[in-house]
C-alpha atoms as a PDB file:
ATOM      1  CA  UNK A   1       9.186  17.292  24.214  1.00  0.00           C
ATOM      2  CA  UNK A   2       8.093  13.928  23.115  1.00  0.00           C
ATOM      3  CA  UNK A   3       4.634  14.770  24.392  1.00  0.00           C
ATOM      4  CA  UNK A   4       4.299  16.985  21.336  1.00  0.00           C
ATOM      5  CA  UNK A   5       4.069  13.910  19.215  1.00  0.00           C
ATOM      6  CA  UNK A   6       1.504  11.063  19.077  1.00  0.00           C
ATOM      7  CA  UNK A   7       2.276   8.638  22.055  1.00  0.00           C
ATOM      8  CA  UNK A   8       2.254   5.560  19.857  1.00  0.00           C
ATOM      9  CA  UNK A   9       5.092   6.824  17.851  1.00  0.00           C
ATOM     10  CA  UNK A  10       7.283   7.700  20.840  1.00  0.00           C
ATOM     11  CA  UNK A  11       9.174   4.240  20.780  1.00  0.00           C
ATOM     12  CA  UNK A  12      10.490   5.179  17.309  1.00  0.00           C
ATOM     13  CA  UNK A  13      11.920   8.550  18.280  1.00  0.00           C
ATOM     14  CA  UNK A  14      15.562   8.128  19.399  1.00  0.00           C
ATOM     15  CA  UNK A  15      16.246  11.792  20.156  1.00  0.00           C
ATOM     16  CA  UNK A  16      14.985  15.355  19.721  1.00  0.00           C
ATOM     17  CA  UNK A  17      17.464  18.000  19.152  1.00  0.00           C
ATOM     18  CA  UNK A  18      16.554  21.673  19.746  1.00  0.00           C
ATOM     19  CA  UNK A  19      17.818  24.594  17.766  1.00  0.00           C
ATOM     20  CA  UNK A  20      17.821  28.418  18.429  1.00  0.00           C
ATOM     21  CA  UNK A  21      14.320  29.768  18.592  1.00  0.00           C
ATOM     22  CA  UNK A  22      14.719  33.002  16.524  1.00  0.00           C
ATOM     23  CA  UNK A  23      12.156  32.560  13.771  1.00  0.00           C
ATOM     24  CA  UNK A  24      14.663  30.737  11.637  1.00  0.00           C
ATOM     25  CA  UNK A  25      14.289  27.411  13.539  1.00  0.00           C
ATOM     26  CA  UNK A  26      12.904  25.404  10.647  1.00  0.00           C
ATOM     27  CA  UNK A  27      15.703  26.427   8.402  1.00  0.00           C
ATOM     28  CA  UNK A  28      18.169  25.828  11.145  1.00  0.00           C
ATOM     29  CA  UNK A  29      16.980  22.277  11.509  1.00  0.00           C
ATOM     30  CA  UNK A  30      17.275  21.616   7.805  1.00  0.00           C
ATOM     31  CA  UNK A  31      20.808  23.082   7.704  1.00  0.00           C
ATOM     32  CA  UNK A  32      21.883  20.923  10.747  1.00  0.00           C
ATOM     33  CA  UNK A  33      20.180  17.737   9.274  1.00  0.00           C
ATOM     34  CA  UNK A  34      22.021  18.218   6.024  1.00  0.00           C
ATOM     35  CA  UNK A  35      25.297  18.444   7.907  1.00  0.00           C
ATOM     36  CA  UNK A  36      25.905  22.221   7.429  1.00  0.00           C
ATOM     37  CA  UNK A  37      25.531  23.281  11.000  1.00  0.00           C
ATOM     38  CA  UNK A  38      22.477  25.215  12.082  1.00  0.00           C
ATOM     39  CA  UNK A  39      24.232  28.529  11.523  1.00  0.00           C
ATOM     40  CA  UNK A  40      24.007  27.944   7.687  1.00  0.00           C
ATOM     41  CA  UNK A  41      20.276  28.635   7.852  1.00  0.00           C
ATOM     42  CA  UNK A  42      20.719  31.749   5.459  1.00  0.00           C
ATOM     43  CA  UNK A  43      22.059  29.414   2.777  1.00  0.00           C
ATOM     44  CA  UNK A  44      19.033  27.273   3.112  1.00  0.00           C
ATOM     45  CA  UNK A  45      16.787  30.201   2.728  1.00  0.00           C
ATOM     46  CA  UNK A  46      18.773  31.171  -0.450  1.00  0.00           C
ATOM     47  CA  UNK A  47      18.620  27.776  -1.929  1.00  0.00           C
ATOM     48  CA  UNK A  48      14.817  27.455  -1.370  1.00  0.00           C
ATOM     49  CA  UNK A  49      14.232  30.893  -2.910  1.00  0.00           C
ATOM     50  CA  UNK A  50      16.239  29.681  -5.877  1.00  0.00           C
ATOM     51  CA  UNK A  51      14.220  26.550  -6.102  1.00  0.00           C
ATOM     52  CA  UNK A  52      10.765  28.368  -5.955  1.00  0.00           C
ATOM     53  CA  UNK A  53      11.930  30.980  -8.516  1.00  0.00           C
ATOM     54  CA  UNK A  54      13.516  28.694 -11.122  1.00  0.00           C
ATOM     55  CA  UNK A  55      10.685  26.101 -11.058  1.00  0.00           C
ATOM     56  CA  UNK A  56       7.812  28.702 -10.608  1.00  0.00           C
ATOM     57  CA  UNK A  57       4.995  26.842 -12.469  1.00  0.00           C
ATOM     58  CA  UNK A  58       5.777  23.476 -10.935  1.00  0.00           C
ATOM     59  CA  UNK A  59       5.874  24.909  -7.308  1.00  0.00           C
ATOM     60  CA  UNK A  60       2.755  27.116  -7.809  1.00  0.00           C
ATOM     61  CA  UNK A  61       0.881  23.861  -8.416  1.00  0.00           C
ATOM     62  CA  UNK A  62       2.298  22.274  -5.347  1.00  0.00           C
ATOM     63  CA  UNK A  63       1.615  25.097  -2.982  1.00  0.00           C
ATOM     64  CA  UNK A  64      -1.855  26.081  -4.353  1.00  0.00           C
ATOM     65  CA  UNK A  65      -1.188  28.925  -6.785  1.00  0.00           C
ATOM     66  CA  UNK A  66       1.035  31.783  -7.743  1.00  0.00           C
ATOM     67  CA  UNK A  67      -0.102  34.102  -4.939  1.00  0.00           C
ATOM     68  CA  UNK A  68       0.860  31.554  -2.376  1.00  0.00           C
ATOM     69  CA  UNK A  69       4.127  30.970  -4.210  1.00  0.00           C
ATOM     70  CA  UNK A  70       5.000  34.710  -3.969  1.00  0.00           C
ATOM     71  CA  UNK A  71       4.142  34.756  -0.296  1.00  0.00           C
ATOM     72  CA  UNK A  72       6.489  31.841   0.213  1.00  0.00           C
ATOM     73  CA  UNK A  73       9.299  33.577  -1.769  1.00  0.00           C
ATOM     74  CA  UNK A  74       8.880  36.774   0.287  1.00  0.00           C
ATOM     75  CA  UNK A  75       8.971  34.829   3.527  1.00  0.00           C
ATOM     76  CA  UNK A  76      12.408  33.523   2.646  1.00  0.00           C
ATOM     77  CA  UNK A  77      13.850  37.057   2.289  1.00  0.00           C
ATOM     78  CA  UNK A  78      15.397  38.235   5.602  1.00  0.00           C
ATOM     79  CA  UNK A  79      18.267  40.112   7.054  1.00  0.00           C
ATOM     80  CA  UNK A  80      20.894  37.591   8.041  1.00  0.00           C
ATOM     81  CA  UNK A  81      21.494  39.362  11.457  1.00  0.00           C
ATOM     82  CA  UNK A  82      17.902  39.540  12.682  1.00  0.00           C
ATOM     83  CA  UNK A  83      15.221  37.413  13.948  1.00  0.00           C
ATOM     84  CA  UNK A  84      12.177  36.508  11.883  1.00  0.00           C
ATOM     85  CA  UNK A  85       8.547  37.452  12.649  1.00  0.00           C
ATOM     86  CA  UNK A  86       5.742  34.923  12.014  1.00  0.00           C
ATOM     87  CA  UNK A  87       5.242  35.660   8.316  1.00  0.00           C
ATOM     88  CA  UNK A  88       8.902  34.619   7.835  1.00  0.00           C
ATOM     89  CA  UNK A  89       8.596  31.234   9.463  1.00  0.00           C
ATOM     90  CA  UNK A  90       8.916  28.034   7.619  1.00  0.00           C
ATOM     91  CA  UNK A  91       5.652  26.195   6.900  1.00  0.00           C
ATOM     92  CA  UNK A  92       5.359  22.451   6.186  1.00  0.00           C
ATOM     93  CA  UNK A  93       4.302  21.020   3.683  1.00  0.00           C
ATOM     94  CA  UNK A  94       4.712  24.249   1.566  1.00  0.00           C
ATOM     95  CA  UNK A  95       8.435  24.403   2.065  1.00  0.00           C
ATOM     96  CA  UNK A  96       8.744  20.721   2.327  1.00  0.00           C
ATOM     97  CA  UNK A  97       8.502  20.463  -1.637  1.00  0.00           C
ATOM     98  CA  UNK A  98      11.164  23.032  -2.163  1.00  0.00           C
ATOM     99  CA  UNK A  99      13.464  21.195   0.315  1.00  0.00           C
ATOM    100  CA  UNK A 100      13.330  17.729  -1.121  1.00  0.00           C
ATOM    101  CA  UNK A 101      14.081  18.565  -4.679  1.00  0.00           C
ATOM    102  CA  UNK A 102      17.255  20.676  -4.634  1.00  0.00           C
ATOM    103  CA  UNK A 103      18.699  18.413  -1.771  1.00  0.00           C
ATOM    104  CA  UNK A 104      17.285  15.152  -3.074  1.00  0.00           C
ATOM    105  CA  UNK A 105      16.370  14.071   0.387  1.00  0.00           C
ATOM    106  CA  UNK A 106      13.261  12.452   1.919  1.00  0.00           C
ATOM    107  CA  UNK A 107      11.713  14.683   4.493  1.00  0.00           C
ATOM    108  CA  UNK A 108       9.570  13.383   7.284  1.00  0.00           C
ATOM    109  CA  UNK A 109       7.483  15.955   9.208  1.00  0.00           C
ATOM    110  CA  UNK A 110       5.849  15.132  12.554  1.00  0.00           C
ATOM    111  CA  UNK A 111       3.673  17.104  14.799  1.00  0.00           C
ATOM    112  CA  UNK A 112       0.673  16.552  17.095  1.00  0.00           C
ATOM    113  CA  UNK A 113      -1.818  17.297  14.154  1.00  0.00           C
ATOM    114  CA  UNK A 114       0.032  16.506  10.937  1.00  0.00           C
ATOM    115  CA  UNK A 115       2.424  13.890   9.907  1.00  0.00           C
ATOM    116  CA  UNK A 116       3.798  13.201   6.374  1.00  0.00           C
ATOM    117  CA  UNK A 117       6.530  12.074   4.308  1.00  0.00           C
ATOM    118  CA  UNK A 118       7.646  14.020   1.176  1.00  0.00           C
ATOM    119  CA  UNK A 119       9.763  12.332  -1.430  1.00  0.00           C
ATOM    120  CA  UNK A 120      11.830  14.033  -4.127  1.00  0.00           C
ATOM    121  CA  UNK A 121       9.573  14.736  -7.037  1.00  0.00           C
ATOM    122  CA  UNK A 122      11.912  14.915  -9.972  1.00  0.00           C
ATOM    123  CA  UNK A 123      14.751  12.314  -9.541  1.00  0.00           C
ATOM    124  CA  UNK A 124      14.886   8.564  -9.716  1.00  0.00           C
ATOM    125  CA  UNK A 125      15.781   6.914  -6.468  1.00  0.00           C
ATOM    126  CA  UNK A 126      19.232   5.230  -6.205  1.00  0.00           C
ATOM    127  CA  UNK A 127      18.923   1.535  -6.488  1.00  0.00           C
ATOM    128  CA  UNK A 128      20.645   1.034  -3.158  1.00  0.00           C
ATOM    129  CA  UNK A 129      18.543   2.337  -0.240  1.00  0.00           C
ATOM    130  CA  UNK A 130      21.811   2.839   1.643  1.00  0.00           C
ATOM    131  CA  UNK A 131      22.222   5.971  -0.644  1.00  0.00           C
ATOM    132  CA  UNK A 132      18.831   7.417   0.315  1.00  0.00           C
ATOM    133  CA  UNK A 133      18.991  10.351   2.712  1.00  0.00           C
ATOM    134  CA  UNK A 134      15.985  10.778   5.068  1.00  0.00           C
ATOM    135  CA  UNK A 135      15.794  13.692   7.478  1.00  0.00           C
ATOM    136  CA  UNK A 136      12.999  14.305   9.970  1.00  0.00           C
ATOM    137  CA  UNK A 137      11.815  17.597  11.666  1.00  0.00           C
ATOM    138  CA  UNK A 138       9.175  18.085  14.285  1.00  0.00           C
ATOM    139  CA  UNK A 139       6.799  20.961  14.858  1.00  0.00           C
ATOM    140  CA  UNK A 140       6.248  21.566  18.447  1.00  0.00           C
ATOM    141  CA  UNK A 141       4.320  23.886  20.695  1.00  0.00           C
ATOM    142  CA  UNK A 142       2.565  25.279  17.390  1.00  0.00           C
ATOM    143  CA  UNK A 143       5.557  27.501  16.893  1.00  0.00           C
ATOM    144  CA  UNK A 144       8.865  25.848  16.822  1.00  0.00           C
ATOM    145  CA  UNK A 145      10.814  23.290  14.861  1.00  0.00           C
ATOM    146  CA  UNK A 146      13.213  20.690  16.185  1.00  0.00           C
ATOM    147  CA  UNK A 147      15.461  17.878  14.654  1.00  0.00           C
ATOM    148  CA  UNK A 148      14.003  14.433  15.202  1.00  0.00           C
ATOM    149  CA  UNK A 149      16.286  11.319  15.107  1.00  0.00           C
ATOM    150  CA  UNK A 150      14.170   8.331  14.142  1.00  0.00           C
ATOM    151  CA  UNK A 151      14.803   4.668  14.820  1.00  0.00           C
ATOM    152  CA  UNK A 152      16.360   2.765  11.715  1.00  0.00           C
ATOM    153  CA  UNK A 153      13.494   1.085   9.786  1.00  0.00           C
ATOM    154  CA  UNK A 154      10.744   2.667  11.833  1.00  0.00           C
ATOM    155  CA  UNK A 155       7.233   3.246  10.431  1.00  0.00           C
ATOM    156  CA  UNK A 156       6.843   6.387   8.321  1.00  0.00           C
ATOM    157  CA  UNK A 157       3.900   8.655   7.667  1.00  0.00           C
ATOM    158  CA  UNK A 158       2.235   8.310   4.281  1.00  0.00           C
ATOM    159  CA  UNK A 159       2.780  10.579   1.360  1.00  0.00           C
ATOM    160  CA  UNK A 160       0.665  13.613   1.040  1.00  0.00           C
ATOM    161  CA  UNK A 161      -1.748  13.586  -1.816  1.00  0.00           C
ATOM    162  CA  UNK A 162      -0.337  16.788  -3.625  1.00  0.00           C
ATOM    163  CA  UNK A 163       3.186  15.526  -3.937  1.00  0.00           C
ATOM    164  CA  UNK A 164       2.193  11.950  -4.886  1.00  0.00           C
ATOM    165  CA  UNK A 165       0.024  13.217  -7.653  1.00  0.00           C
ATOM    166  CA  UNK A 166       2.644  15.765  -9.020  1.00  0.00           C
ATOM    167  CA  UNK A 167       5.861  13.746  -9.192  1.00  0.00           C
ATOM    168  CA  UNK A 168       7.608  12.955 -12.400  1.00  0.00           C
ATOM    169  CA  UNK A 169       7.081   9.402 -13.636  1.00  0.00           C
ATOM    170  CA  UNK A 170      10.762   8.555 -12.813  1.00  0.00           C
ATOM    171  CA  UNK A 171      10.271   9.690  -9.302  1.00  0.00           C
ATOM    172  CA  UNK A 172       7.468   7.299  -8.458  1.00  0.00           C
ATOM    173  CA  UNK A 173       9.828   4.708  -7.517  1.00  0.00           C
ATOM    174  CA  UNK A 174      10.832   6.410  -4.249  1.00  0.00           C
ATOM    175  CA  UNK A 175       7.661   5.410  -2.581  1.00  0.00           C
ATOM    176  CA  UNK A 176       8.063   1.816  -3.400  1.00  0.00           C
ATOM    177  CA  UNK A 177      11.188   1.478  -1.115  1.00  0.00           C
ATOM    178  CA  UNK A 178       8.972   2.685   1.785  1.00  0.00           C
ATOM    179  CA  UNK A 179       5.714   1.061   1.165  1.00  0.00           C
ATOM    180  CA  UNK A 180       5.981  -1.398   4.124  1.00  0.00           C
ATOM    181  CA  UNK A 181       7.108   1.350   6.538  1.00  0.00           C
ATOM    182  CA  UNK A 182       4.147   3.568   5.454  1.00  0.00           C
ATOM    183  CA  UNK A 183       1.751   0.805   5.959  1.00  0.00           C
ATOM    184  CA  UNK A 184       3.172   0.123   9.396  1.00  0.00           C
ATOM    185  CA  UNK A 185       2.452   3.854  10.252  1.00  0.00           C
ATOM    186  CA  UNK A 186      -1.059   3.360   8.997  1.00  0.00           C
ATOM    187  CA  UNK A 187      -1.381   0.349  11.315  1.00  0.00           C
ATOM    188  CA  UNK A 188      -0.564   2.525  14.251  1.00  0.00           C
ATOM    189  CA  UNK A 189      -3.767   4.477  13.634  1.00  0.00           C
ATOM    190  CA  UNK A 190      -2.137   7.863  13.886  1.00  0.00           C
ATOM    191  CA  UNK A 191      -2.230   9.008  10.255  1.00  0.00           C
ATOM    192  CA  UNK A 192      -3.866  12.251   9.596  1.00  0.00           C
ATOM    193  CA  UNK A 193      -6.945  11.793   7.639  1.00  0.00           C
ATOM    194  CA  UNK A 194      -6.131  14.546   5.205  1.00  0.00           C
ATOM    195  CA  UNK A 195      -3.099  12.456   3.936  1.00  0.00           C
ATOM    196  CA  UNK A 196      -3.578   9.341   1.860  1.00  0.00           C
ATOM    197  CA  UNK A 197      -1.488   6.416   0.786  1.00  0.00           C
ATOM    198  CA  UNK A 198      -1.129   6.645  -3.062  1.00  0.00           C
ATOM    199  CA  UNK A 199       1.417   4.022  -3.923  1.00  0.00           C
ATOM    200  CA  UNK A 200       1.069   3.753  -7.624  1.00  0.00           C
ATOM    201  CA  UNK A 201       4.378   2.579  -9.156  1.00  0.00           C
END
């Protein structure tokens, strides 16, 4: 499965852990990476729906408007005993914004075409980096998400321009902890040109 990611990043991937491919795979990955177990994917969908509903104006700005926001909210509503068709699948970075804020985690997304890091947009980072929680998911075969275990201190993709320009002032500090690691990723020459390094403190 490593072949689904840019080859220069392979040395920094320690493991790739699969989840059930039932249309809920992205939410299964998040649940597992948060320590809930992948079968807790309905709770993840519920939490993200709540996040998108309670912070409607803010999330509409992040995802490109209210119409897109309503599409995303609708995609989160599924029967817990059924699989999910394509319009119910998780999309990144759209859902990435909704993940980092309620769980206060750093989300790294990897694929063959898009790599990005999304930081919490509302909270101040803990002073000790040991209290930061970073999770990584990979999008493979254009239709499936997997858990990715990264090497400690490895290069990280840069922030995407939307989240970096819409975070609260107190949240800008997150990126400063990871400036060197994001620069190391840029030095690998694998960063997607649609994502830029906006590192204002």
